[in-house]
């Protein structure tokens, strides 16, 4: 076994061990920020665009830039948690897009794979596809986007993980899926409705919460009932009920007569501070 294969196995083992320590089953999505709090790690969102993430050894603090897209923030948090798990020294990372074929730095590569396996273990990926009766080799970009939203990762990150880590799709299939972008998928689903971020929450999203920032939108199943002033219904579209996050807090959506129900957790836009407090009501938002 090569050293790289050994590191990959350690990354997988570490990700699963971390999930077990946080009482997160291997077949369900995980919010890395909630997991960090359970593991006594402090995550802080901070201003600044000159770095992607930071782990401070000894203080057990992870810093995540507040201006990054949510999927990238999640991967950054998981990457820095990888440095914590492996006992690496304090790091200030300029983290590129997930690139599991980049082996220039063993510690960075290990943290990258740890993050991928923490957020997207094969069991959770397969469960998400199976519940939707989908095959990554044949599903549409929109269907793959729904899986990425449930897992809490970026669309391109999931495509690369399916290709490089899980080896569930071929390089040509990955290139085909990569031709679609989150922007083009949003335009396909919403038409001329402008939004910089969309969570696609279908009826097969059965575990975890829907996390939004103020101003972000979510496409819920048609006829979903929304409870709470944090969320406003914008429109009923052919693809579902479009809602927007209006203020920090926690709302609820459900389908009458069906078992589907979700909490929608709303944080302030570009929130700065400890992740534990990101969903608290902001009096300035009223």
C-alpha atoms as a PDB file:
ATOM      1  CA  UNK A   1       0.000   0.000   0.000  1.00  0.00           C
ATOM      2  CA  UNK A   2       1.386   3.417  -0.931  1.00  0.00           C
ATOM      3  CA  UNK A   3       1.769   6.151   1.668  1.00  0.00           C
ATOM      4  CA  UNK A   4      -1.012   8.087  -0.085  1.00  0.00           C
ATOM      5  CA  UNK A   5      -3.411   5.163   0.167  1.00  0.00           C
ATOM      6  CA  UNK A   6      -2.540   4.781   3.826  1.00  0.00           C
ATOM      7  CA  UNK A   7      -3.289   8.467   4.419  1.00  0.00           C
ATOM      8  CA  UNK A   8      -6.603   8.114   2.604  1.00  0.00           C
ATOM      9  CA  UNK A   9      -7.599   5.208   4.827  1.00  0.00           C
ATOM     10  CA  UNK A  10      -6.619   7.184   7.909  1.00  0.00           C
ATOM     11  CA  UNK A  11      -8.718  10.103   6.687  1.00  0.00           C
ATOM     12  CA  UNK A  12     -11.766   7.868   6.226  1.00  0.00           C
ATOM     13  CA  UNK A  13     -11.234   6.210   9.592  1.00  0.00           C
ATOM     14  CA  UNK A  14     -10.795   9.600  11.257  1.00  0.00           C
ATOM     15  CA  UNK A  15     -13.942  11.025   9.687  1.00  0.00           C
ATOM     16  CA  UNK A  16     -16.032   8.050  10.827  1.00  0.00           C
ATOM     17  CA  UNK A  17     -14.508   8.157  14.310  1.00  0.00           C
ATOM     18  CA  UNK A  18     -15.306  11.873  14.546  1.00  0.00           C
ATOM     19  CA  UNK A  19     -18.895  11.214  13.515  1.00  0.00           C
ATOM     20  CA  UNK A  20     -19.178   8.511  16.179  1.00  0.00           C
ATOM     21  CA  UNK A  21     -17.756  10.864  18.804  1.00  0.00           C
ATOM     22  CA  UNK A  22     -20.460  13.356  17.899  1.00  0.00           C
ATOM     23  CA  UNK A  23     -23.211  10.704  17.794  1.00  0.00           C
ATOM     24  CA  UNK A  24     -23.766  11.226  14.062  1.00  0.00           C
ATOM     25  CA  UNK A  25     -24.653   8.024  12.143  1.00  0.00           C
ATOM     26  CA  UNK A  26     -22.536   7.419   9.064  1.00  0.00           C
ATOM     27  CA  UNK A  27     -25.540   7.345   6.712  1.00  0.00           C
ATOM     28  CA  UNK A  28     -26.958  10.807   7.499  1.00  0.00           C
ATOM     29  CA  UNK A  29     -25.835  14.342   6.564  1.00  0.00           C
ATOM     30  CA  UNK A  30     -23.999  16.327   9.223  1.00  0.00           C
ATOM     31  CA  UNK A  31     -23.778  20.027  10.036  1.00  0.00           C
ATOM     32  CA  UNK A  32     -20.072  20.425  10.707  1.00  0.00           C
ATOM     33  CA  UNK A  33     -20.613  23.504  12.890  1.00  0.00           C
ATOM     34  CA  UNK A  34     -23.055  21.707  15.186  1.00  0.00           C
ATOM     35  CA  UNK A  35     -20.685  18.735  15.307  1.00  0.00           C
ATOM     36  CA  UNK A  36     -17.757  20.982  16.246  1.00  0.00           C
ATOM     37  CA  UNK A  37     -19.663  22.382  19.219  1.00  0.00           C
ATOM     38  CA  UNK A  38     -20.450  18.865  20.436  1.00  0.00           C
ATOM     39  CA  UNK A  39     -16.746  18.043  20.227  1.00  0.00           C
ATOM     40  CA  UNK A  40     -15.805  21.157  22.261  1.00  0.00           C
ATOM     41  CA  UNK A  41     -14.344  22.893  19.230  1.00  0.00           C
ATOM     42  CA  UNK A  42     -15.156  26.574  18.839  1.00  0.00           C
ATOM     43  CA  UNK A  43     -15.987  27.762  15.332  1.00  0.00           C
ATOM     44  CA  UNK A  44     -15.965  31.478  14.620  1.00  0.00           C
ATOM     45  CA  UNK A  45     -17.080  33.190  11.435  1.00  0.00           C
ATOM     46  CA  UNK A  46     -14.877  36.190  10.761  1.00  0.00           C
ATOM     47  CA  UNK A  47     -14.496  38.977   8.245  1.00  0.00           C
ATOM     48  CA  UNK A  48     -11.735  38.983   5.685  1.00  0.00           C
ATOM     49  CA  UNK A  49     -11.211  37.493   2.265  1.00  0.00           C
ATOM     50  CA  UNK A  50      -7.480  36.881   2.304  1.00  0.00           C
ATOM     51  CA  UNK A  51      -7.672  33.338   3.686  1.00  0.00           C
ATOM     52  CA  UNK A  52      -9.955  30.322   3.485  1.00  0.00           C
ATOM     53  CA  UNK A  53      -9.742  29.013   7.030  1.00  0.00           C
ATOM     54  CA  UNK A  54      -7.618  28.746  10.134  1.00  0.00           C
ATOM     55  CA  UNK A  55      -7.067  26.230  12.907  1.00  0.00           C
ATOM     56  CA  UNK A  56      -5.430  27.413  16.118  1.00  0.00           C
ATOM     57  CA  UNK A  57      -3.901  24.454  17.942  1.00  0.00           C
ATOM     58  CA  UNK A  58      -4.112  24.569  21.707  1.00  0.00           C
ATOM     59  CA  UNK A  59      -7.088  26.920  21.816  1.00  0.00           C
ATOM     60  CA  UNK A  60      -9.189  24.508  19.708  1.00  0.00           C
ATOM     61  CA  UNK A  61     -10.558  27.382  17.631  1.00  0.00           C
ATOM     62  CA  UNK A  62     -11.491  27.184  13.950  1.00  0.00           C
ATOM     63  CA  UNK A  63     -11.954  30.366  11.916  1.00  0.00           C
ATOM     64  CA  UNK A  64     -14.150  30.395   8.809  1.00  0.00           C
ATOM     65  CA  UNK A  65     -14.554  33.457   6.539  1.00  0.00           C
ATOM     66  CA  UNK A  66     -18.069  34.878   6.708  1.00  0.00           C
ATOM     67  CA  UNK A  67     -18.222  35.903   3.042  1.00  0.00           C
ATOM     68  CA  UNK A  68     -17.777  32.457   1.495  1.00  0.00           C
ATOM     69  CA  UNK A  69     -20.733  30.468   0.066  1.00  0.00           C
ATOM     70  CA  UNK A  70     -22.366  28.114   2.602  1.00  0.00           C
ATOM     71  CA  UNK A  71     -21.124  24.911   0.963  1.00  0.00           C
ATOM     72  CA  UNK A  72     -17.581  26.220   0.933  1.00  0.00           C
ATOM     73  CA  UNK A  73     -17.855  27.325   4.567  1.00  0.00           C
ATOM     74  CA  UNK A  74     -18.927  23.804   5.516  1.00  0.00           C
ATOM     75  CA  UNK A  75     -16.016  22.230   3.659  1.00  0.00           C
ATOM     76  CA  UNK A  76     -13.596  24.731   5.181  1.00  0.00           C
ATOM     77  CA  UNK A  77     -14.881  23.949   8.672  1.00  0.00           C
ATOM     78  CA  UNK A  78     -14.511  20.223   8.037  1.00  0.00           C
ATOM     79  CA  UNK A  79     -11.026  20.714   6.560  1.00  0.00           C
ATOM     80  CA  UNK A  80      -9.865  22.628   9.633  1.00  0.00           C
ATOM     81  CA  UNK A  81     -11.443  19.944  11.830  1.00  0.00           C
ATOM     82  CA  UNK A  82      -9.217  17.502   9.968  1.00  0.00           C
ATOM     83  CA  UNK A  83      -6.145  19.450  11.075  1.00  0.00           C
ATOM     84  CA  UNK A  84      -7.498  19.269  14.645  1.00  0.00           C
ATOM     85  CA  UNK A  85      -8.149  15.516  14.451  1.00  0.00           C
ATOM     86  CA  UNK A  86      -4.706  14.697  13.071  1.00  0.00           C
ATOM     87  CA  UNK A  87      -2.956  16.956  15.577  1.00  0.00           C
ATOM     88  CA  UNK A  88      -1.440  19.195  12.913  1.00  0.00           C
ATOM     89  CA  UNK A  89       0.017  22.513  13.997  1.00  0.00           C
ATOM     90  CA  UNK A  90      -1.834  25.815  13.747  1.00  0.00           C
ATOM     91  CA  UNK A  91      -2.708  26.501  10.121  1.00  0.00           C
ATOM     92  CA  UNK A  92      -3.790  29.437   7.991  1.00  0.00           C
ATOM     93  CA  UNK A  93      -5.138  27.858   4.835  1.00  0.00           C
ATOM     94  CA  UNK A  94      -5.620  29.157   1.346  1.00  0.00           C
ATOM     95  CA  UNK A  95      -7.941  26.319   0.551  1.00  0.00           C
ATOM     96  CA  UNK A  96      -8.627  25.691  -3.167  1.00  0.00           C
ATOM     97  CA  UNK A  97     -11.678  23.915  -4.455  1.00  0.00           C
ATOM     98  CA  UNK A  98     -11.782  20.278  -3.342  1.00  0.00           C
ATOM     99  CA  UNK A  99      -8.999  18.610  -5.324  1.00  0.00           C
ATOM    100  CA  UNK A 100      -8.378  15.076  -4.053  1.00  0.00           C
ATOM    101  CA  UNK A 101      -5.828  14.500  -6.820  1.00  0.00           C
ATOM    102  CA  UNK A 102      -3.577  17.302  -5.497  1.00  0.00           C
ATOM    103  CA  UNK A 103      -0.938  15.666  -3.283  1.00  0.00           C
ATOM    104  CA  UNK A 104       1.575  18.465  -2.917  1.00  0.00           C
ATOM    105  CA  UNK A 105       1.177  18.669   0.875  1.00  0.00           C
ATOM    106  CA  UNK A 106       0.384  15.462   2.824  1.00  0.00           C
ATOM    107  CA  UNK A 107      -1.215  17.337   5.723  1.00  0.00           C
ATOM    108  CA  UNK A 108      -3.431  19.430   3.443  1.00  0.00           C
ATOM    109  CA  UNK A 109      -4.342  16.370   1.397  1.00  0.00           C
ATOM    110  CA  UNK A 110      -5.252  14.424   4.545  1.00  0.00           C
ATOM    111  CA  UNK A 111      -7.397  17.299   5.838  1.00  0.00           C
ATOM    112  CA  UNK A 112      -9.097  17.591   2.448  1.00  0.00           C
ATOM    113  CA  UNK A 113      -9.983  13.898   2.372  1.00  0.00           C
ATOM    114  CA  UNK A 114     -11.061  13.979   6.026  1.00  0.00           C
ATOM    115  CA  UNK A 115     -13.471  16.811   5.156  1.00  0.00           C
ATOM    116  CA  UNK A 116     -14.840  14.960   2.138  1.00  0.00           C
ATOM    117  CA  UNK A 117     -15.427  11.748   4.085  1.00  0.00           C
ATOM    118  CA  UNK A 118     -16.880  13.631   7.061  1.00  0.00           C
ATOM    119  CA  UNK A 119     -19.440  15.496   4.962  1.00  0.00           C
ATOM    120  CA  UNK A 120     -19.949  12.917   2.213  1.00  0.00           C
ATOM    121  CA  UNK A 121     -19.259   9.380   3.472  1.00  0.00           C
ATOM    122  CA  UNK A 122     -20.308   6.758   0.945  1.00  0.00           C
ATOM    123  CA  UNK A 123     -23.172   5.589   3.157  1.00  0.00           C
ATOM    124  CA  UNK A 124     -24.727   9.066   3.335  1.00  0.00           C
ATOM    125  CA  UNK A 125     -24.223   9.651  -0.391  1.00  0.00           C
ATOM    126  CA  UNK A 126     -25.760   6.309  -1.321  1.00  0.00           C
ATOM    127  CA  UNK A 127     -28.691   6.855   1.047  1.00  0.00           C
ATOM    128  CA  UNK A 128     -29.430  10.239  -0.501  1.00  0.00           C
ATOM    129  CA  UNK A 129     -29.345   8.826  -4.034  1.00  0.00           C
ATOM    130  CA  UNK A 130     -31.312   5.692  -3.133  1.00  0.00           C
ATOM    131  CA  UNK A 131     -34.140   7.605  -1.442  1.00  0.00           C
ATOM    132  CA  UNK A 132     -34.562   9.560  -4.666  1.00  0.00           C
ATOM    133  CA  UNK A 133     -34.198   6.422  -6.827  1.00  0.00           C
ATOM    134  CA  UNK A 134     -31.267   8.044  -8.606  1.00  0.00           C
ATOM    135  CA  UNK A 135     -27.998   6.836 -10.085  1.00  0.00           C
ATOM    136  CA  UNK A 136     -25.096   9.323 -10.224  1.00  0.00           C
ATOM    137  CA  UNK A 137     -24.194   7.890 -13.625  1.00  0.00           C
ATOM    138  CA  UNK A 138     -27.524   8.986 -15.141  1.00  0.00           C
ATOM    139  CA  UNK A 139     -29.140  11.627 -12.900  1.00  0.00           C
ATOM    140  CA  UNK A 140     -29.666  15.182 -14.069  1.00  0.00           C
ATOM    141  CA  UNK A 141     -27.706  18.156 -12.782  1.00  0.00           C
ATOM    142  CA  UNK A 142     -30.806  19.373 -10.909  1.00  0.00           C
ATOM    143  CA  UNK A 143     -31.178  16.000  -9.194  1.00  0.00           C
ATOM    144  CA  UNK A 144     -27.513  16.026  -8.206  1.00  0.00           C
ATOM    145  CA  UNK A 145     -27.936  19.574  -6.901  1.00  0.00           C
ATOM    146  CA  UNK A 146     -30.704  18.341  -4.563  1.00  0.00           C
ATOM    147  CA  UNK A 147     -28.329  15.711  -3.160  1.00  0.00           C
ATOM    148  CA  UNK A 148     -25.587  18.323  -2.670  1.00  0.00           C
ATOM    149  CA  UNK A 149     -28.013  20.601  -0.808  1.00  0.00           C
ATOM    150  CA  UNK A 150     -29.056  17.807   1.548  1.00  0.00           C
ATOM    151  CA  UNK A 151     -25.403  16.937   2.245  1.00  0.00           C
ATOM    152  CA  UNK A 152     -24.610  20.618   2.798  1.00  0.00           C
ATOM    153  CA  UNK A 153     -21.817  20.768   0.213  1.00  0.00           C
ATOM    154  CA  UNK A 154     -21.221  22.595  -3.036  1.00  0.00           C
ATOM    155  CA  UNK A 155     -22.389  21.098  -6.308  1.00  0.00           C
ATOM    156  CA  UNK A 156     -18.897  20.937  -7.844  1.00  0.00           C
ATOM    157  CA  UNK A 157     -17.474  19.494  -4.606  1.00  0.00           C
ATOM    158  CA  UNK A 158     -19.936  16.599  -4.788  1.00  0.00           C
ATOM    159  CA  UNK A 159     -19.133  16.006  -8.463  1.00  0.00           C
ATOM    160  CA  UNK A 160     -15.406  15.753  -7.717  1.00  0.00           C
ATOM    161  CA  UNK A 161     -15.992  13.524  -4.678  1.00  0.00           C
ATOM    162  CA  UNK A 162     -18.103  11.145  -6.771  1.00  0.00           C
ATOM    163  CA  UNK A 163     -15.301  10.982  -9.326  1.00  0.00           C
ATOM    164  CA  UNK A 164     -12.100  10.912  -7.274  1.00  0.00           C
ATOM    165  CA  UNK A 165     -12.931   9.572  -3.808  1.00  0.00           C
ATOM    166  CA  UNK A 166     -15.970   7.329  -4.276  1.00  0.00           C
ATOM    167  CA  UNK A 167     -15.266   6.505  -7.928  1.00  0.00           C
ATOM    168  CA  UNK A 168     -18.975   6.284  -8.713  1.00  0.00           C
ATOM    169  CA  UNK A 169     -18.719   8.264 -11.957  1.00  0.00           C
ATOM    170  CA  UNK A 170     -16.235   8.376 -14.810  1.00  0.00           C
ATOM    171  CA  UNK A 171     -14.077  11.390 -15.720  1.00  0.00           C
ATOM    172  CA  UNK A 172     -16.285  12.051 -18.762  1.00  0.00           C
ATOM    173  CA  UNK A 173     -19.432  11.925 -16.629  1.00  0.00           C
ATOM    174  CA  UNK A 174     -17.842  14.323 -14.129  1.00  0.00           C
ATOM    175  CA  UNK A 175     -17.001  16.710 -16.968  1.00  0.00           C
ATOM    176  CA  UNK A 176     -20.583  16.469 -18.242  1.00  0.00           C
ATOM    177  CA  UNK A 177     -22.026  17.323 -14.825  1.00  0.00           C
ATOM    178  CA  UNK A 178     -19.489  20.107 -14.328  1.00  0.00           C
ATOM    179  CA  UNK A 179     -20.861  21.842 -17.417  1.00  0.00           C
ATOM    180  CA  UNK A 180     -23.813  22.819 -15.260  1.00  0.00           C
ATOM    181  CA  UNK A 181     -23.278  25.501 -12.627  1.00  0.00           C
ATOM    182  CA  UNK A 182     -25.315  26.423  -9.546  1.00  0.00           C
ATOM    183  CA  UNK A 183     -26.296  29.618 -11.368  1.00  0.00           C
ATOM    184  CA  UNK A 184     -27.577  27.745 -14.430  1.00  0.00           C
ATOM    185  CA  UNK A 185     -29.446  25.297 -12.179  1.00  0.00           C
ATOM    186  CA  UNK A 186     -31.071  28.187 -10.290  1.00  0.00           C
ATOM    187  CA  UNK A 187     -32.122  29.760 -13.577  1.00  0.00           C
ATOM    188  CA  UNK A 188     -33.571  26.450 -14.752  1.00  0.00           C
ATOM    189  CA  UNK A 189     -35.627  26.058 -11.574  1.00  0.00           C
ATOM    190  CA  UNK A 190     -36.618  29.674 -10.929  1.00  0.00           C
ATOM    191  CA  UNK A 191     -36.742  31.326 -14.322  1.00  0.00           C
ATOM    192  CA  UNK A 192     -36.119  35.059 -13.955  1.00  0.00           C
ATOM    193  CA  UNK A 193     -36.264  35.083 -10.141  1.00  0.00           C
ATOM    194  CA  UNK A 194     -32.892  36.449  -9.050  1.00  0.00           C
ATOM    195  CA  UNK A 195     -31.139  34.941  -6.027  1.00  0.00           C
ATOM    196  CA  UNK A 196     -27.488  34.333  -5.223  1.00  0.00           C
ATOM    197  CA  UNK A 197     -28.128  31.160  -3.257  1.00  0.00           C
ATOM    198  CA  UNK A 198     -30.828  28.489  -3.451  1.00  0.00           C
ATOM    199  CA  UNK A 199     -31.423  25.443  -1.290  1.00  0.00           C
ATOM    200  CA  UNK A 200     -33.393  22.745  -3.092  1.00  0.00           C
ATOM    201  CA  UNK A 201     -35.328  20.826  -0.410  1.00  0.00           C
ATOM    202  CA  UNK A 202     -37.396  18.054  -1.970  1.00  0.00           C
ATOM    203  CA  UNK A 203     -39.668  15.519  -0.251  1.00  0.00           C
ATOM    204  CA  UNK A 204     -36.803  13.026  -0.069  1.00  0.00           C
ATOM    205  CA  UNK A 205     -34.764  15.305   2.186  1.00  0.00           C
ATOM    206  CA  UNK A 206     -35.738  13.568   5.431  1.00  0.00           C
ATOM    207  CA  UNK A 207     -32.823  14.202   7.829  1.00  0.00           C
ATOM    208  CA  UNK A 208     -31.206  17.356   9.149  1.00  0.00           C
ATOM    209  CA  UNK A 209     -32.196  21.002   8.998  1.00  0.00           C
ATOM    210  CA  UNK A 210     -32.377  23.507   6.161  1.00  0.00           C
ATOM    211  CA  UNK A 211     -29.830  26.231   6.932  1.00  0.00           C
ATOM    212  CA  UNK A 212     -30.163  29.648   5.302  1.00  0.00           C
ATOM    213  CA  UNK A 213     -28.827  33.163   5.653  1.00  0.00           C
ATOM    214  CA  UNK A 214     -31.048  36.221   5.558  1.00  0.00           C
ATOM    215  CA  UNK A 215     -31.789  36.918   1.886  1.00  0.00           C
ATOM    216  CA  UNK A 216     -31.191  33.342   0.752  1.00  0.00           C
ATOM    217  CA  UNK A 217     -33.966  31.305  -0.810  1.00  0.00           C
ATOM    218  CA  UNK A 218     -35.170  27.722  -0.629  1.00  0.00           C
ATOM    219  CA  UNK A 219     -37.373  25.746  -2.977  1.00  0.00           C
ATOM    220  CA  UNK A 220     -39.682  23.594  -0.873  1.00  0.00           C
ATOM    221  CA  UNK A 221     -42.152  20.949  -2.014  1.00  0.00           C
ATOM    222  CA  UNK A 222     -45.338  22.367  -3.514  1.00  0.00           C
ATOM    223  CA  UNK A 223     -47.981  23.258  -0.890  1.00  0.00           C
ATOM    224  CA  UNK A 224     -45.459  23.235   1.962  1.00  0.00           C
ATOM    225  CA  UNK A 225     -46.847  25.120   4.957  1.00  0.00           C
ATOM    226  CA  UNK A 226     -44.392  27.549   6.571  1.00  0.00           C
ATOM    227  CA  UNK A 227     -44.650  28.552  10.225  1.00  0.00           C
ATOM    228  CA  UNK A 228     -42.603  31.454  11.587  1.00  0.00           C
ATOM    229  CA  UNK A 229     -41.906  35.042  10.626  1.00  0.00           C
ATOM    230  CA  UNK A 230     -38.321  34.190   9.737  1.00  0.00           C
ATOM    231  CA  UNK A 231     -39.446  32.817   6.366  1.00  0.00           C
ATOM    232  CA  UNK A 232     -41.672  34.415   3.696  1.00  0.00           C
ATOM    233  CA  UNK A 233     -43.307  32.683   0.745  1.00  0.00           C
ATOM    234  CA  UNK A 234     -42.240  34.378  -2.497  1.00  0.00           C
ATOM    235  CA  UNK A 235     -43.957  32.346  -5.196  1.00  0.00           C
ATOM    236  CA  UNK A 236     -45.458  29.029  -6.191  1.00  0.00           C
ATOM    237  CA  UNK A 237     -43.486  27.765  -9.168  1.00  0.00           C
ATOM    238  CA  UNK A 238     -43.751  24.572 -11.246  1.00  0.00           C
ATOM    239  CA  UNK A 239     -40.712  23.240  -9.349  1.00  0.00           C
ATOM    240  CA  UNK A 240     -42.127  23.965  -5.878  1.00  0.00           C
ATOM    241  CA  UNK A 241     -42.818  26.692  -3.315  1.00  0.00           C
ATOM    242  CA  UNK A 242     -40.128  29.371  -3.270  1.00  0.00           C
ATOM    243  CA  UNK A 243     -39.424  30.943   0.132  1.00  0.00           C
ATOM    244  CA  UNK A 244     -36.914  33.492   1.368  1.00  0.00           C
ATOM    245  CA  UNK A 245     -35.179  33.930   4.711  1.00  0.00           C
ATOM    246  CA  UNK A 246     -36.161  37.307   6.191  1.00  0.00           C
ATOM    247  CA  UNK A 247     -34.672  37.425   9.687  1.00  0.00           C
ATOM    248  CA  UNK A 248     -32.578  35.263  12.025  1.00  0.00           C
ATOM    249  CA  UNK A 249     -34.297  32.526  13.966  1.00  0.00           C
ATOM    250  CA  UNK A 250     -35.837  29.108  13.428  1.00  0.00           C
ATOM    251  CA  UNK A 251     -38.971  28.444  11.386  1.00  0.00           C
ATOM    252  CA  UNK A 252     -40.726  25.245  10.410  1.00  0.00           C
ATOM    253  CA  UNK A 253     -42.114  23.856   7.158  1.00  0.00           C
ATOM    254  CA  UNK A 254     -44.302  20.802   6.732  1.00  0.00           C
ATOM    255  CA  UNK A 255     -46.685  19.049   4.363  1.00  0.00           C
ATOM    256  CA  UNK A 256     -50.187  18.504   5.696  1.00  0.00           C
ATOM    257  CA  UNK A 257     -51.115  14.834   5.863  1.00  0.00           C
ATOM    258  CA  UNK A 258     -47.542  13.678   5.214  1.00  0.00           C
ATOM    259  CA  UNK A 259     -44.539  12.923   7.403  1.00  0.00           C
ATOM    260  CA  UNK A 260     -42.283  15.511   5.758  1.00  0.00           C
ATOM    261  CA  UNK A 261     -41.358  18.386   8.102  1.00  0.00           C
ATOM    262  CA  UNK A 262     -38.193  20.482   8.413  1.00  0.00           C
ATOM    263  CA  UNK A 263     -36.760  23.196  10.591  1.00  0.00           C
ATOM    264  CA  UNK A 264     -35.417  26.163   8.636  1.00  0.00           C
ATOM    265  CA  UNK A 265     -32.590  27.788  10.594  1.00  0.00           C
ATOM    266  CA  UNK A 266     -31.797  31.326   9.532  1.00  0.00           C
ATOM    267  CA  UNK A 267     -28.581  33.159  10.393  1.00  0.00           C
ATOM    268  CA  UNK A 268     -27.702  36.761   9.760  1.00  0.00           C
ATOM    269  CA  UNK A 269     -26.262  37.488   6.329  1.00  0.00           C
ATOM    270  CA  UNK A 270     -22.476  37.136   6.385  1.00  0.00           C
ATOM    271  CA  UNK A 271     -22.674  36.435  10.118  1.00  0.00           C
ATOM    272  CA  UNK A 272     -19.569  37.163  12.190  1.00  0.00           C
ATOM    273  CA  UNK A 273     -19.147  35.523  15.574  1.00  0.00           C
ATOM    274  CA  UNK A 274     -19.295  32.132  17.215  1.00  0.00           C
ATOM    275  CA  UNK A 275     -21.246  29.578  15.179  1.00  0.00           C
ATOM    276  CA  UNK A 276     -23.246  28.620  18.260  1.00  0.00           C
ATOM    277  CA  UNK A 277     -25.055  31.972  18.096  1.00  0.00           C
ATOM    278  CA  UNK A 278     -25.624  32.275  14.365  1.00  0.00           C
ATOM    279  CA  UNK A 279     -29.382  31.564  14.512  1.00  0.00           C
ATOM    280  CA  UNK A 280     -30.209  33.833  17.428  1.00  0.00           C
ATOM    281  CA  UNK A 281     -32.748  36.549  16.777  1.00  0.00           C
ATOM    282  CA  UNK A 282     -31.196  39.869  15.818  1.00  0.00           C
ATOM    283  CA  UNK A 283     -33.149  42.869  17.160  1.00  0.00           C
ATOM    284  CA  UNK A 284     -31.637  45.037  14.433  1.00  0.00           C
ATOM    285  CA  UNK A 285     -33.291  42.841  11.805  1.00  0.00           C
ATOM    286  CA  UNK A 286     -36.813  43.696  12.989  1.00  0.00           C
END
